[in-house]
Protein backbone atom coordinates (compact mmCIF):
# COMPACT_ATOMS: atom_id res chain seq x y z
CA MET A 1 -77.78 -50.81 -34.41
CA ALA A 2 -75.31 -50.72 -31.52
CA ASP A 3 -74.37 -47.47 -29.80
CA HIS A 4 -70.77 -47.84 -30.92
CA LEU A 5 -69.17 -49.93 -33.65
CA GLU A 6 -65.46 -50.21 -34.33
CA ALA A 7 -63.29 -51.94 -36.87
CA SER A 8 -59.57 -51.85 -37.60
CA VAL A 9 -57.04 -53.28 -40.01
CA THR A 10 -53.25 -52.99 -40.14
CA LEU A 11 -51.63 -53.20 -43.54
CA PRO A 12 -48.06 -53.11 -44.86
CA SER A 13 -46.86 -49.73 -46.18
CA ASP A 14 -47.03 -50.92 -49.75
CA PRO A 15 -48.91 -49.44 -52.71
CA ALA A 16 -51.08 -52.59 -52.97
CA SER A 17 -52.39 -51.85 -49.48
CA VAL A 18 -54.19 -48.71 -50.67
CA SER A 19 -56.72 -50.84 -52.56
CA ALA A 20 -57.02 -53.20 -49.58
CA ALA A 21 -57.73 -50.26 -47.27
CA ARG A 22 -60.47 -48.94 -49.58
CA SER A 23 -62.09 -52.35 -49.87
CA TYR A 24 -61.94 -52.93 -46.12
CA VAL A 25 -63.58 -49.60 -45.26
CA VAL A 26 -66.31 -49.79 -47.91
CA GLY A 27 -67.05 -53.42 -46.99
CA THR A 28 -67.26 -52.59 -43.30
CA LEU A 29 -69.55 -49.63 -43.92
CA ALA A 30 -71.78 -51.83 -46.10
CA GLU A 31 -72.07 -54.25 -43.15
CA TRP A 32 -73.06 -51.25 -41.02
CA GLY A 33 -75.79 -50.27 -43.47
CA LEU A 34 -74.18 -47.96 -46.05
CA PRO A 35 -74.58 -49.49 -49.52
CA SER A 36 -71.34 -49.38 -51.49
CA ASP A 37 -73.05 -47.85 -54.55
CA THR A 38 -74.00 -44.55 -52.86
CA GLU A 39 -72.40 -41.14 -53.34
CA THR A 40 -71.36 -41.15 -49.68
CA ALA A 41 -69.60 -44.50 -50.07
CA GLU A 42 -67.79 -43.18 -53.14
CA THR A 43 -66.66 -40.09 -51.23
CA VAL A 44 -65.42 -42.23 -48.34
CA ARG A 45 -63.64 -44.50 -50.83
CA LEU A 46 -61.75 -41.52 -52.27
CA ILE A 47 -60.88 -40.10 -48.84
CA VAL A 48 -59.55 -43.48 -47.64
CA SER A 49 -57.57 -43.84 -50.84
CA GLU A 50 -55.88 -40.48 -50.27
CA LEU A 51 -55.23 -41.15 -46.57
CA ALA A 52 -53.73 -44.58 -47.27
CA THR A 53 -51.68 -43.28 -50.20
CA ASN A 54 -50.21 -40.59 -47.96
CA ALA A 55 -49.36 -43.19 -45.30
CA VAL A 56 -47.52 -45.27 -47.90
CA GLN A 57 -45.80 -42.53 -49.93
CA HIS A 58 -44.86 -39.93 -47.36
CA THR A 59 -43.43 -42.02 -44.53
CA PHE A 60 -40.22 -42.62 -46.48
CA GLY A 61 -39.95 -46.25 -45.36
CA GLN A 62 -39.98 -45.24 -41.68
CA SER A 63 -43.43 -46.76 -41.09
CA PRO A 64 -43.53 -50.44 -42.09
CA THR A 65 -47.30 -50.57 -41.59
CA PHE A 66 -50.30 -48.30 -41.27
CA THR A 67 -53.59 -48.87 -39.47
CA VAL A 68 -57.06 -47.90 -40.61
CA ASP A 69 -59.57 -47.44 -37.79
CA ILE A 70 -63.30 -46.97 -38.34
CA ALA A 71 -65.76 -46.01 -35.62
CA LEU A 72 -69.47 -45.27 -35.74
CA HIS A 73 -70.86 -43.59 -32.65
CA GLN A 74 -74.61 -43.74 -31.90
CA ASP A 75 -75.53 -43.85 -35.60
CA GLU A 76 -74.57 -40.18 -35.77
CA GLN A 77 -70.86 -39.78 -36.38
CA LEU A 78 -68.43 -41.76 -38.49
CA ARG A 79 -64.71 -41.49 -37.84
CA ILE A 80 -62.05 -42.93 -40.11
CA GLY A 81 -58.40 -42.59 -39.14
CA VAL A 82 -55.15 -43.71 -40.69
CA THR A 83 -52.21 -44.06 -38.32
CA ASP A 84 -48.57 -44.48 -39.27
CA SER A 85 -45.39 -44.38 -37.22
CA HIS A 86 -43.69 -41.51 -39.07
CA PRO A 87 -43.53 -38.36 -36.91
CA ARG A 88 -43.81 -35.75 -39.68
CA PHE A 89 -47.25 -34.18 -40.04
CA PRO A 90 -48.68 -33.63 -43.54
CA LYS A 91 -47.74 -30.34 -45.15
CA ARG A 92 -49.60 -28.32 -47.73
CA LEU A 93 -47.19 -27.67 -50.58
CA PRO A 94 -47.07 -24.36 -52.45
CA ALA A 95 -49.20 -24.39 -55.61
CA ALA A 96 -46.15 -24.31 -57.87
CA VAL A 97 -44.86 -27.53 -56.32
CA GLN A 98 -48.19 -29.32 -56.73
CA GLN A 99 -47.60 -30.42 -60.30
CA ASP A 100 -47.83 -34.21 -60.11
CA ASN A 101 -48.64 -34.80 -56.47
CA GLY A 102 -49.14 -33.04 -53.16
CA ARG A 103 -52.89 -32.51 -53.45
CA GLY A 104 -54.01 -35.37 -51.21
CA MET A 105 -54.65 -33.31 -48.09
CA VAL A 106 -56.41 -30.62 -50.11
CA ILE A 107 -58.72 -33.26 -51.60
CA ILE A 108 -59.36 -34.86 -48.19
CA ARG A 109 -60.06 -31.50 -46.55
CA TRP A 110 -62.42 -30.42 -49.35
CA LEU A 111 -64.38 -33.69 -49.50
CA THR A 112 -64.69 -33.82 -45.72
CA ALA A 113 -65.96 -30.23 -45.56
CA GLU A 114 -68.43 -30.93 -48.40
CA CYS A 115 -69.93 -33.71 -46.27
CA GLY A 116 -70.19 -31.46 -43.21
CA GLY A 117 -67.25 -33.08 -41.43
CA ARG A 118 -63.82 -32.17 -40.24
CA LEU A 119 -60.23 -33.29 -40.64
CA ARG A 120 -57.85 -33.78 -37.72
CA VAL A 121 -54.17 -34.65 -37.41
CA ARG A 122 -52.96 -35.82 -34.02
CA PRO A 123 -49.67 -37.23 -32.75
CA THR A 124 -49.68 -40.75 -31.33
CA ARG A 125 -48.06 -41.74 -28.04
CA GLU A 126 -45.58 -43.83 -30.00
CA GLY A 127 -44.32 -40.83 -31.98
CA GLY A 128 -46.33 -41.24 -35.19
CA LYS A 129 -49.54 -39.56 -36.24
CA THR A 130 -53.19 -40.23 -36.99
CA VAL A 131 -54.91 -38.36 -39.80
CA SER A 132 -58.66 -38.75 -39.37
CA ILE A 133 -61.93 -37.49 -40.70
CA GLU A 134 -65.20 -37.20 -38.84
CA LEU A 135 -68.41 -37.17 -40.86
CA PRO A 136 -72.08 -37.06 -39.96
CA TRP A 137 -73.53 -40.54 -40.51
CA THR A 138 -76.60 -40.59 -42.68
CA LEU A 139 -77.98 -43.66 -44.36
CA PRO A 140 -79.86 -43.31 -47.62
CA ALA A 141 -83.64 -43.60 -47.35
CA ALA A 142 -84.97 -47.03 -48.23
CA PRO A 143 -86.57 -47.02 -51.68
CA VAL A 144 -90.35 -47.45 -51.85
CA PRO A 145 -91.31 -50.37 -54.10
CA ALA A 146 -93.00 -49.23 -57.32
CA GLY A 147 -96.79 -49.30 -57.27
CA ARG A 148 -96.99 -49.30 -53.50
CA PRO A 149 -97.71 -46.15 -51.51
CA PRO A 150 -95.41 -45.42 -48.59
CA GLU A 151 -96.68 -46.71 -45.27
CA THR A 152 -98.09 -44.17 -42.85
CA PRO A 153 -97.61 -44.60 -39.12
CA ALA A 154 -100.52 -46.11 -37.21
CA ARG A 155 -102.44 -43.75 -34.95
């Protein structure tokens, strides 16, 4: 695989775009070698869903679009970022306020940490922000066909 792969899509800040963002990321990662039926793909799907939902719901109409960027560096680190043009950074709400919503960043932070990654929020030059996750990239081992012993390296 290449030393560095990148992909990007810009979508309207509309609830229907959340599903499009998920599909785009999972499809791209499948092209890069991560099958969409793995636990890692499911975790990424949920993280992207939360990031995109936040970009749609919490920009209060001040960001007409959001961009999802994906980068894989040297088959070791995956970065997924969602950028919008709203300047306000995500806030963790007090537990009492988190009745129906407000848990997105908590979910993202927890899932990212569970995978050995980290969450970052950075301002953009244009005055918006990018919320991104960085995860170690590990592909599942290829299954060994039944009835066939695994190959051993030649000496």
